[in-house]
Amino acid sequence: MTQMPDFVSLNGPDNAGKTTQLARLTERWDGFQPLGAVHEHDPETWARVAADGYARWWFETSTTVELTEMLLAGHAKRAAAREAGRTGLLDRGLPMLLAVATATCVVKDGLTVGEAFKTVTSIASSRTRAPETSILLLPSLDAERSYALTSAREGRPWTGIYPAYQKTLHAVLLHQTDHGAYTAVVDCEGRSLDEVHAEVLDHAGLAQLTDGSPR
């Protein structure tokens, strides 16, 4: 029996296919405990900052420290909800949360990706990290094409600061891959959902599933 990690996370930009693949993993093995996104585990805090407009708080009034700390606090509460003996299934794991904070820092504070990445990493450096298999789904390995694919899937135009944020997020994710932030990176371009799922299963340690147990 393969020793499964405490957590498996699926990561990627908006419309990369995370929700679809998370649902498939949940159905594939009953040892997974779906834990969702960080805001689900700290709803009062997130509702409070959204009182005067969620986007305004996120991109205008919050500081990088405040946003990063909130994401990390929600992540810690989510991790604490994992039942003993099960593998928590995360919608955006720790590396992705740091990517989100980094991209926000770039568009809000005018830093380069490298500068923002160092800023956010330093904020998170003192946190204990639980074992996590982090799988990054990328619509394309080219940042501009990746953004074009995901924005087209949205079905309606992104407005305001959000296009700049999403473009920056794609660049941050590629920056992270260059620094080995993720356990595995799945290039989804030109591949079917089944093909992507097979690779996700492999990276999650479930490729040889037979009787409902990872081997």
Protein backbone atom coordinates (compact mmCIF):
# COMPACT_ATOMS: atom_id res chain seq x y z
CA MET A 1 0.00 0.00 0.00
CA THR A 2 1.37 3.36 -1.02
CA GLN A 3 1.58 5.84 1.81
CA MET A 4 -0.72 8.68 0.82
CA PRO A 5 0.10 12.26 1.80
CA ASP A 6 -1.99 14.19 4.29
CA PHE A 7 -3.23 16.39 1.45
CA VAL A 8 -3.59 16.41 -2.31
CA SER A 9 -4.30 19.79 -3.90
CA LEU A 10 -5.39 20.75 -7.39
CA ASN A 11 -4.16 24.15 -8.46
CA GLY A 12 -4.37 26.43 -11.47
CA PRO A 13 -5.92 29.63 -12.80
CA ASP A 14 -9.65 30.19 -13.17
CA ASN A 15 -11.27 27.80 -15.68
CA ALA A 16 -8.32 25.40 -15.72
CA GLY A 17 -10.51 22.40 -14.85
CA LYS A 18 -9.84 22.12 -11.12
CA THR A 19 -13.49 21.65 -10.11
CA THR A 20 -14.04 18.89 -12.68
CA GLN A 21 -10.91 17.01 -11.68
CA LEU A 22 -11.60 17.41 -7.95
CA ALA A 23 -15.05 15.87 -8.43
CA ARG A 24 -13.55 12.97 -10.36
CA LEU A 25 -10.94 12.31 -7.68
CA THR A 26 -13.62 12.33 -4.97
CA GLU A 27 -15.56 9.69 -6.87
CA ARG A 28 -12.45 7.64 -7.55
CA TRP A 29 -11.32 6.92 -3.99
CA ASP A 30 -13.27 7.07 -0.75
CA GLY A 31 -10.09 7.77 1.20
CA PHE A 32 -10.25 11.36 0.01
CA GLN A 33 -11.94 13.92 2.23
CA PRO A 34 -13.02 16.90 0.10
CA LEU A 35 -12.10 20.04 2.05
CA GLY A 36 -12.87 22.68 -0.55
CA ALA A 37 -11.50 26.20 -0.56
CA VAL A 38 -10.03 28.23 2.31
CA HIS A 39 -12.89 30.74 2.58
CA GLU A 40 -15.31 27.90 3.39
CA HIS A 41 -13.43 27.28 6.64
CA ASP A 42 -13.30 30.91 7.77
CA PRO A 43 -16.59 32.35 6.44
CA GLU A 44 -17.08 35.10 9.01
CA THR A 45 -13.70 36.68 8.30
CA TRP A 46 -14.23 36.65 4.55
CA ALA A 47 -17.78 37.96 4.88
CA ARG A 48 -16.51 40.84 7.00
CA VAL A 49 -13.92 42.04 4.49
CA ALA A 50 -16.45 41.71 1.66
CA ALA A 51 -18.97 43.99 3.38
CA ASP A 52 -17.99 47.06 1.34
CA GLY A 53 -17.25 45.14 -1.84
CA TYR A 54 -15.09 42.04 -2.14
CA ALA A 55 -13.08 43.19 -5.16
CA ARG A 56 -12.48 46.62 -3.65
CA TRP A 57 -11.08 45.10 -0.47
CA TRP A 58 -9.00 42.53 -2.36
CA PHE A 59 -7.41 44.86 -4.90
CA GLU A 60 -7.52 48.26 -3.19
CA THR A 61 -7.81 48.42 0.60
CA SER A 62 -6.15 45.23 1.83
CA THR A 63 -2.40 45.03 2.33
CA THR A 64 -0.27 42.18 1.03
CA VAL A 65 0.40 41.10 4.60
CA GLU A 66 -3.31 41.13 5.48
CA LEU A 67 -4.37 39.16 2.40
CA THR A 68 -1.57 36.61 2.71
CA GLU A 69 -2.21 36.09 6.42
CA MET A 70 -5.93 35.58 5.78
CA LEU A 71 -5.24 33.00 3.11
CA LEU A 72 -2.79 31.19 5.39
CA ALA A 73 -5.20 31.29 8.35
CA GLY A 74 -7.97 29.80 6.23
CA HIS A 75 -5.56 27.15 4.97
CA ALA A 76 -4.64 26.21 8.56
CA LYS A 77 -8.30 25.90 9.56
CA ARG A 78 -8.99 23.80 6.49
CA ALA A 79 -6.06 21.51 7.30
CA ALA A 80 -7.33 21.10 10.86
CA ALA A 81 -10.64 19.78 9.49
CA ARG A 82 -8.97 16.71 7.99
CA GLU A 83 -10.08 13.47 9.61
CA ALA A 84 -7.39 11.09 10.85
CA GLY A 85 -6.47 8.45 8.32
CA ARG A 86 -7.89 10.30 5.34
CA THR A 87 -6.26 12.41 2.64
CA GLY A 88 -7.61 15.95 2.45
CA LEU A 89 -8.52 17.02 -1.07
CA LEU A 90 -7.90 20.75 -1.51
CA ASP A 91 -9.26 23.26 -3.98
CA ARG A 92 -6.05 25.31 -4.31
CA GLY A 93 -3.29 24.22 -1.95
CA LEU A 94 -0.62 26.26 -0.26
CA PRO A 95 1.52 26.99 -3.35
CA MET A 96 -1.54 28.29 -5.20
CA LEU A 97 -2.56 30.51 -2.28
CA LEU A 98 0.90 32.05 -2.37
CA ALA A 99 0.55 32.51 -6.14
CA VAL A 100 -2.75 34.34 -5.66
CA ALA A 101 -1.22 36.64 -3.04
CA THR A 102 1.81 37.23 -5.26
CA ALA A 103 -0.24 38.14 -8.33
CA THR A 104 -2.36 40.50 -6.25
CA CYS A 105 0.78 42.13 -4.86
CA VAL A 106 2.10 42.70 -8.38
CA VAL A 107 -1.02 44.45 -9.70
CA LYS A 108 -1.70 46.38 -6.51
CA ASP A 109 1.78 47.42 -5.41
CA GLY A 110 3.54 47.63 -8.77
CA LEU A 111 6.26 45.11 -7.93
CA THR A 112 7.83 42.66 -10.36
CA VAL A 113 6.79 39.01 -10.14
CA GLY A 114 10.13 38.16 -8.55
CA GLU A 115 9.88 40.94 -5.96
CA ALA A 116 6.28 40.09 -5.06
CA PHE A 117 7.09 36.38 -4.84
CA LYS A 118 9.88 37.11 -2.33
CA THR A 119 7.59 39.39 -0.34
CA VAL A 120 4.81 36.81 -0.03
CA THR A 121 7.21 33.93 0.60
CA SER A 122 8.81 35.83 3.48
CA ILE A 123 5.39 36.37 5.08
CA ALA A 124 4.65 32.64 4.87
CA SER A 125 8.13 31.41 5.76
CA SER A 126 7.43 30.77 9.44
CA ARG A 127 4.38 28.58 8.80
CA THR A 128 4.56 24.83 9.30
CA ARG A 129 3.76 22.98 6.08
CA ALA A 130 1.88 19.67 6.17
CA PRO A 131 2.79 17.04 3.55
CA GLU A 132 0.96 18.02 0.37
CA THR A 133 1.00 16.61 -3.14
CA SER A 134 0.34 19.76 -5.17
CA ILE A 135 -0.75 19.27 -8.78
CA LEU A 136 -0.82 22.32 -11.05
CA LEU A 137 -3.17 22.28 -14.04
CA LEU A 138 -2.02 24.67 -16.77
CA PRO A 139 -4.17 25.34 -19.85
CA SER A 140 -0.91 26.06 -21.68
CA LEU A 141 2.76 26.37 -20.81
CA ASP A 142 2.74 29.75 -22.56
CA ALA A 143 1.42 32.47 -20.21
CA GLU A 144 -0.34 34.55 -22.88
CA ARG A 145 -1.99 31.54 -24.50
CA SER A 146 -2.95 30.15 -21.09
CA TYR A 147 -4.71 33.40 -20.26
CA ALA A 148 -6.44 33.49 -23.65
CA LEU A 149 -7.80 29.97 -23.18
CA THR A 150 -9.14 30.54 -19.67
CA SER A 151 -10.63 33.96 -20.40
CA ALA A 152 -12.49 32.51 -23.41
CA ARG A 153 -13.98 29.81 -21.16
CA GLU A 154 -15.39 32.43 -18.79
CA GLY A 155 -18.27 33.14 -21.18
CA ARG A 156 -18.26 36.86 -20.45
CA PRO A 157 -15.49 39.49 -20.44
CA TRP A 158 -13.42 40.03 -17.33
CA THR A 159 -13.51 43.71 -16.39
CA GLY A 160 -11.65 46.24 -14.26
CA ILE A 161 -8.39 45.08 -12.77
CA TYR A 162 -9.26 41.40 -13.13
CA PRO A 163 -7.74 40.85 -16.60
CA ALA A 164 -4.41 42.26 -15.41
CA TYR A 165 -4.62 40.10 -12.29
CA GLN A 166 -5.34 36.94 -14.27
CA LYS A 167 -2.53 37.61 -16.75
CA THR A 168 -0.17 38.19 -13.86
CA LEU A 169 -1.36 35.03 -12.11
CA HIS A 170 -0.47 32.94 -15.15
CA ALA A 171 3.01 34.48 -15.13
CA VAL A 172 3.38 33.81 -11.39
CA LEU A 173 2.38 30.17 -11.83
CA LEU A 174 5.05 29.70 -14.49
CA HIS A 175 7.55 31.45 -12.20
CA GLN A 176 6.65 28.98 -9.46
CA THR A 177 7.10 26.00 -11.76
CA ASP A 178 10.59 27.22 -12.59
CA HIS A 179 11.32 27.15 -8.85
CA GLY A 180 9.81 23.71 -8.21
CA ALA A 181 6.87 24.94 -6.14
CA TYR A 182 4.54 22.13 -7.27
CA THR A 183 4.87 18.38 -6.97
CA ALA A 184 3.71 18.00 -10.55
CA VAL A 185 2.64 20.19 -13.47
CA VAL A 186 0.04 18.96 -15.96
CA ASP A 187 0.01 20.61 -19.39
CA CYS A 188 -3.68 20.44 -20.38
CA GLU A 189 -3.39 22.03 -23.82
CA GLY A 190 -4.92 19.91 -26.56
CA ARG A 191 -5.78 17.07 -24.18
CA SER A 192 -9.13 15.57 -23.25
CA LEU A 193 -10.54 15.56 -19.72
CA ASP A 194 -9.88 11.82 -19.53
CA GLU A 195 -6.24 12.25 -20.56
CA VAL A 196 -5.74 14.97 -17.98
CA HIS A 197 -7.48 12.88 -15.33
CA ALA A 198 -5.23 9.91 -16.00
CA GLU A 199 -2.17 12.08 -15.37
CA VAL A 200 -3.73 13.60 -12.25
CA LEU A 201 -4.41 10.09 -10.92
CA ASP A 202 -0.80 9.15 -11.55
CA HIS A 203 0.57 12.17 -9.69
CA ALA A 204 -1.94 11.67 -6.86
CA GLY A 205 -0.71 8.10 -6.36
CA LEU A 206 -3.94 6.50 -7.58
CA ALA A 207 -2.98 5.38 -11.09
CA GLN A 208 -3.14 1.68 -10.14
CA LEU A 209 -6.52 1.84 -8.44
CA THR A 210 -8.25 -1.53 -8.47
CA ASP A 211 -10.32 -2.12 -5.35
CA GLY A 212 -10.70 1.45 -4.16
CA SER A 213 -7.30 1.58 -2.44
CA PRO A 214 -4.12 3.24 -3.71
CA ARG A 215 -1.30 0.81 -4.35
